[in-house]
Amino acid sequence: MNILAWIILGLLAGAIAKAIYPGRQGGGILGTLILGIVGAFIGGTIATLLETGTFAFAATSLSLTGVFLAVLGAIIALFIYYKFAGRAY
């Protein structure tokens, strides 16, 4: 996937995840982009694990399923971050 698709997927998934996750998240546009890209890797890795039964780092593509998995991964990343950061919301 080229860099422009990564940026679009990252911004889209990060923005949707921040809108769904309760509370206020900071970070601006760069934080949203990074959150979405991390979410794409988490979602892709979970999908690969469930499909094949093997653990391999994979990223989602710029498709409807890929955006859904990236949003799911970004929500998981937000949950883990706030769990370890010690901040409730």
N, C-alpha and C. Protein backbone atom coordinates (compact mmCIF):
# COMPACT_ATOMS: atom_id res chain seq x y z
N MET A 1 0.85 -1.17 0.00
CA MET A 1 0.00 0.00 0.00
C MET A 1 0.91 1.23 0.00
N ASN A 2 0.57 2.21 -0.82
CA ASN A 2 1.44 3.38 -0.90
C ASN A 2 1.21 4.32 0.29
N ILE A 3 2.07 5.31 0.41
CA ILE A 3 2.06 6.20 1.57
C ILE A 3 0.79 7.03 1.64
N LEU A 4 0.24 7.44 0.51
CA LEU A 4 -0.99 8.22 0.52
C LEU A 4 -2.16 7.40 1.07
N ALA A 5 -2.23 6.15 0.70
CA ALA A 5 -3.29 5.28 1.22
C ALA A 5 -3.13 5.07 2.73
N TRP A 6 -1.88 4.97 3.21
CA TRP A 6 -1.63 4.84 4.65
C TRP A 6 -2.11 6.08 5.39
N ILE A 7 -1.84 7.25 4.82
CA ILE A 7 -2.26 8.50 5.46
C ILE A 7 -3.77 8.60 5.50
N ILE A 8 -4.43 8.28 4.41
CA ILE A 8 -5.90 8.33 4.37
C ILE A 8 -6.50 7.33 5.35
N LEU A 9 -6.02 6.10 5.33
CA LEU A 9 -6.52 5.08 6.24
C LEU A 9 -6.27 5.47 7.69
N GLY A 10 -5.09 5.99 7.98
CA GLY A 10 -4.76 6.40 9.34
C GLY A 10 -5.64 7.51 9.85
N LEU A 11 -5.84 8.54 9.03
CA LEU A 11 -6.70 9.65 9.45
C LEU A 11 -8.14 9.21 9.62
N LEU A 12 -8.64 8.41 8.69
CA LEU A 12 -10.02 7.96 8.75
C LEU A 12 -10.26 7.06 9.96
N ALA A 13 -9.42 6.06 10.14
CA ALA A 13 -9.60 5.13 11.25
C ALA A 13 -9.36 5.81 12.60
N GLY A 14 -8.36 6.65 12.68
CA GLY A 14 -8.08 7.36 13.94
C GLY A 14 -9.21 8.29 14.33
N ALA A 15 -9.76 9.02 13.36
CA ALA A 15 -10.85 9.95 13.64
C ALA A 15 -12.11 9.21 14.08
N ILE A 16 -12.42 8.11 13.42
CA ILE A 16 -13.61 7.33 13.80
C ILE A 16 -13.42 6.73 15.18
N ALA A 17 -12.23 6.19 15.47
CA ALA A 17 -11.98 5.59 16.78
C ALA A 17 -12.06 6.64 17.89
N LYS A 18 -11.53 7.84 17.65
CA LYS A 18 -11.61 8.89 18.66
C LYS A 18 -13.05 9.35 18.87
N ALA A 19 -13.87 9.30 17.82
CA ALA A 19 -15.27 9.69 17.95
C ALA A 19 -16.06 8.63 18.73
N ILE A 20 -15.70 7.37 18.57
CA ILE A 20 -16.43 6.29 19.24
C ILE A 20 -15.99 6.14 20.68
N TYR A 21 -14.69 6.25 20.94
CA TYR A 21 -14.16 6.01 22.28
C TYR A 21 -14.63 7.11 23.24
N PRO A 22 -15.12 6.73 24.42
CA PRO A 22 -15.65 7.76 25.34
C PRO A 22 -14.54 8.64 25.91
N GLY A 23 -14.89 9.87 26.20
CA GLY A 23 -13.93 10.80 26.78
C GLY A 23 -13.27 11.64 25.72
N ARG A 24 -12.35 12.48 26.17
CA ARG A 24 -11.64 13.38 25.26
C ARG A 24 -10.22 12.87 25.07
N GLN A 25 -9.82 12.72 23.81
CA GLN A 25 -8.46 12.31 23.50
C GLN A 25 -7.75 13.49 22.83
N GLY A 26 -6.55 13.73 23.22
CA GLY A 26 -5.75 14.79 22.61
C GLY A 26 -4.94 14.25 21.46
N GLY A 27 -3.95 15.00 21.06
CA GLY A 27 -3.02 14.50 20.06
C GLY A 27 -3.08 15.19 18.73
N GLY A 28 -4.15 15.87 18.42
CA GLY A 28 -4.25 16.59 17.16
C GLY A 28 -4.25 15.67 15.95
N ILE A 29 -3.95 16.23 14.82
CA ILE A 29 -4.02 15.48 13.57
C ILE A 29 -2.91 14.43 13.46
N LEU A 30 -1.72 14.74 13.97
CA LEU A 30 -0.62 13.78 13.93
C LEU A 30 -0.90 12.59 14.85
N GLY A 31 -1.45 12.86 16.01
CA GLY A 31 -1.81 11.77 16.93
C GLY A 31 -2.90 10.89 16.35
N THR A 32 -3.86 11.51 15.67
CA THR A 32 -4.93 10.75 15.03
C THR A 32 -4.38 9.87 13.92
N LEU A 33 -3.45 10.40 13.14
CA LEU A 33 -2.82 9.64 12.06
C LEU A 33 -2.05 8.45 12.60
N ILE A 34 -1.25 8.67 13.61
CA ILE A 34 -0.47 7.59 14.20
C ILE A 34 -1.38 6.54 14.83
N LEU A 35 -2.43 7.00 15.52
CA LEU A 35 -3.39 6.08 16.12
C LEU A 35 -4.03 5.19 15.06
N GLY A 36 -4.42 5.78 13.94
CA GLY A 36 -5.04 4.99 12.87
C GLY A 36 -4.09 3.99 12.25
N ILE A 37 -2.83 4.37 12.06
CA ILE A 37 -1.86 3.45 11.48
C ILE A 37 -1.55 2.30 12.45
N VAL A 38 -1.40 2.63 13.73
CA VAL A 38 -1.21 1.58 14.74
C VAL A 38 -2.43 0.67 14.78
N GLY A 39 -3.61 1.27 14.68
CA GLY A 39 -4.85 0.49 14.66
C GLY A 39 -4.92 -0.44 13.46
N ALA A 40 -4.41 0.01 12.30
CA ALA A 40 -4.40 -0.84 11.11
C ALA A 40 -3.51 -2.06 11.32
N PHE A 41 -2.38 -1.87 11.98
CA PHE A 41 -1.52 -3.01 12.27
C PHE A 41 -2.14 -3.95 13.30
N ILE A 42 -2.74 -3.40 14.34
CA ILE A 42 -3.38 -4.24 15.35
C ILE A 42 -4.54 -5.02 14.74
N GLY A 43 -5.40 -4.32 13.99
CA GLY A 43 -6.54 -4.99 13.34
C GLY A 43 -6.11 -6.03 12.34
N GLY A 44 -5.09 -5.72 11.54
CA GLY A 44 -4.60 -6.69 10.56
C GLY A 44 -3.97 -7.91 11.20
N THR A 45 -3.25 -7.69 12.30
CA THR A 45 -2.63 -8.81 13.01
C THR A 45 -3.69 -9.71 13.64
N ILE A 46 -4.71 -9.11 14.23
CA ILE A 46 -5.80 -9.91 14.82
C ILE A 46 -6.55 -10.69 13.74
N ALA A 47 -6.81 -10.05 12.60
CA ALA A 47 -7.50 -10.74 11.51
C ALA A 47 -6.67 -11.90 10.98
N THR A 48 -5.37 -11.71 10.84
CA THR A 48 -4.49 -12.78 10.38
C THR A 48 -4.46 -13.92 11.39
N LEU A 49 -4.43 -13.57 12.67
CA LEU A 49 -4.42 -14.59 13.72
C LEU A 49 -5.71 -15.41 13.70
N LEU A 50 -6.84 -14.76 13.51
CA LEU A 50 -8.12 -15.47 13.49
C LEU A 50 -8.30 -16.29 12.21
N GLU A 51 -7.80 -15.79 11.08
CA GLU A 51 -7.97 -16.50 9.81
C GLU A 51 -7.05 -17.69 9.67
N THR A 52 -5.77 -17.51 10.01
CA THR A 52 -4.79 -18.56 9.76
C THR A 52 -4.34 -19.31 11.01
N GLY A 53 -4.54 -18.70 12.17
CA GLY A 53 -4.10 -19.33 13.40
C GLY A 53 -2.64 -19.08 13.70
N THR A 54 -1.98 -18.25 12.91
CA THR A 54 -0.59 -17.92 13.14
C THR A 54 -0.47 -16.44 13.46
N PHE A 55 0.53 -16.11 14.27
CA PHE A 55 0.77 -14.72 14.66
C PHE A 55 1.75 -14.10 13.68
N ALA A 56 1.28 -13.14 12.91
CA ALA A 56 2.15 -12.45 11.95
C ALA A 56 1.70 -11.00 11.88
N PHE A 57 2.67 -10.08 11.88
CA PHE A 57 2.32 -8.67 11.75
C PHE A 57 1.82 -8.41 10.34
N ALA A 58 0.63 -7.86 10.25
CA ALA A 58 0.03 -7.55 8.96
C ALA A 58 -0.77 -6.27 9.10
N ALA A 59 -0.94 -5.58 8.03
CA ALA A 59 -1.73 -4.35 8.04
C ALA A 59 -2.94 -4.53 7.15
N THR A 60 -3.96 -3.75 7.44
CA THR A 60 -5.17 -3.82 6.62
C THR A 60 -5.01 -2.97 5.38
N SER A 61 -5.90 -3.17 4.44
CA SER A 61 -5.86 -2.39 3.20
C SER A 61 -6.92 -1.29 3.25
N LEU A 62 -6.91 -0.45 2.27
CA LEU A 62 -7.86 0.65 2.19
C LEU A 62 -9.13 0.13 1.51
N SER A 63 -9.94 -0.57 2.30
CA SER A 63 -11.24 -1.09 1.86
C SER A 63 -12.20 -0.95 3.03
N LEU A 64 -13.44 -1.29 2.82
CA LEU A 64 -14.42 -1.18 3.90
C LEU A 64 -14.06 -2.09 5.07
N THR A 65 -13.67 -3.31 4.77
CA THR A 65 -13.25 -4.24 5.82
C THR A 65 -11.97 -3.76 6.50
N GLY A 66 -11.05 -3.24 5.70
CA GLY A 66 -9.80 -2.73 6.24
C GLY A 66 -10.01 -1.55 7.18
N VAL A 67 -10.90 -0.64 6.82
CA VAL A 67 -11.19 0.50 7.68
C VAL A 67 -11.85 0.02 8.97
N PHE A 68 -12.77 -0.94 8.87
CA PHE A 68 -13.41 -1.48 10.07
C PHE A 68 -12.38 -2.11 11.00
N LEU A 69 -11.48 -2.91 10.46
CA LEU A 69 -10.45 -3.55 11.28
C LEU A 69 -9.48 -2.52 11.86
N ALA A 70 -9.18 -1.48 11.09
CA ALA A 70 -8.28 -0.44 11.59
C ALA A 70 -8.94 0.35 12.73
N VAL A 71 -10.23 0.64 12.61
CA VAL A 71 -10.96 1.32 13.69
C VAL A 71 -11.00 0.45 14.93
N LEU A 72 -11.28 -0.84 14.76
CA LEU A 72 -11.29 -1.77 15.88
C LEU A 72 -9.92 -1.83 16.55
N GLY A 73 -8.87 -1.89 15.75
CA GLY A 73 -7.51 -1.89 16.30
C GLY A 73 -7.16 -0.60 17.00
N ALA A 74 -7.63 0.54 16.47
CA ALA A 74 -7.36 1.83 17.10
C ALA A 74 -8.09 1.95 18.44
N ILE A 75 -9.30 1.42 18.52
CA ILE A 75 -10.03 1.44 19.79
C ILE A 75 -9.30 0.58 20.82
N ILE A 76 -8.79 -0.56 20.39
CA ILE A 76 -8.00 -1.42 21.29
C ILE A 76 -6.74 -0.68 21.74
N ALA A 77 -6.08 0.03 20.81
CA ALA A 77 -4.88 0.79 21.16
C ALA A 77 -5.20 1.90 22.16
N LEU A 78 -6.31 2.60 21.97
CA LEU A 78 -6.72 3.64 22.93
C LEU A 78 -6.99 3.04 24.30
N PHE A 79 -7.68 1.90 24.33
CA PHE A 79 -7.98 1.25 25.60
C PHE A 79 -6.69 0.87 26.34
N ILE A 80 -5.76 0.26 25.63
CA ILE A 80 -4.50 -0.14 26.25
C ILE A 80 -3.71 1.08 26.72
N TYR A 81 -3.68 2.13 25.91
CA TYR A 81 -2.94 3.33 26.28
C TYR A 81 -3.50 3.94 27.56
N TYR A 82 -4.81 4.11 27.63
CA TYR A 82 -5.40 4.73 28.82
C TYR A 82 -5.37 3.80 30.03
N LYS A 83 -5.31 2.51 29.81
CA LYS A 83 -5.17 1.56 30.91
C LYS A 83 -3.81 1.71 31.58
N PHE A 84 -2.75 1.85 30.76
CA PHE A 84 -1.40 1.98 31.30
C PHE A 84 -1.03 3.41 31.67
N ALA A 85 -1.68 4.38 31.07
CA ALA A 85 -1.39 5.79 31.39
C ALA A 85 -2.00 6.17 32.73
N GLY A 86 -2.98 5.41 33.18
CA GLY A 86 -3.59 5.66 34.48
C GLY A 86 -4.64 6.75 34.46
N ARG A 87 -4.97 7.25 33.28
CA ARG A 87 -5.97 8.29 33.17
C ARG A 87 -7.27 7.63 32.76
N ALA A 88 -8.36 7.95 33.47
CA ALA A 88 -9.64 7.31 33.19
C ALA A 88 -10.19 7.77 31.84
N TYR A 89 -10.32 9.05 31.62
CA TYR A 89 -10.82 9.59 30.36
C TYR A 89 -10.19 10.90 30.09
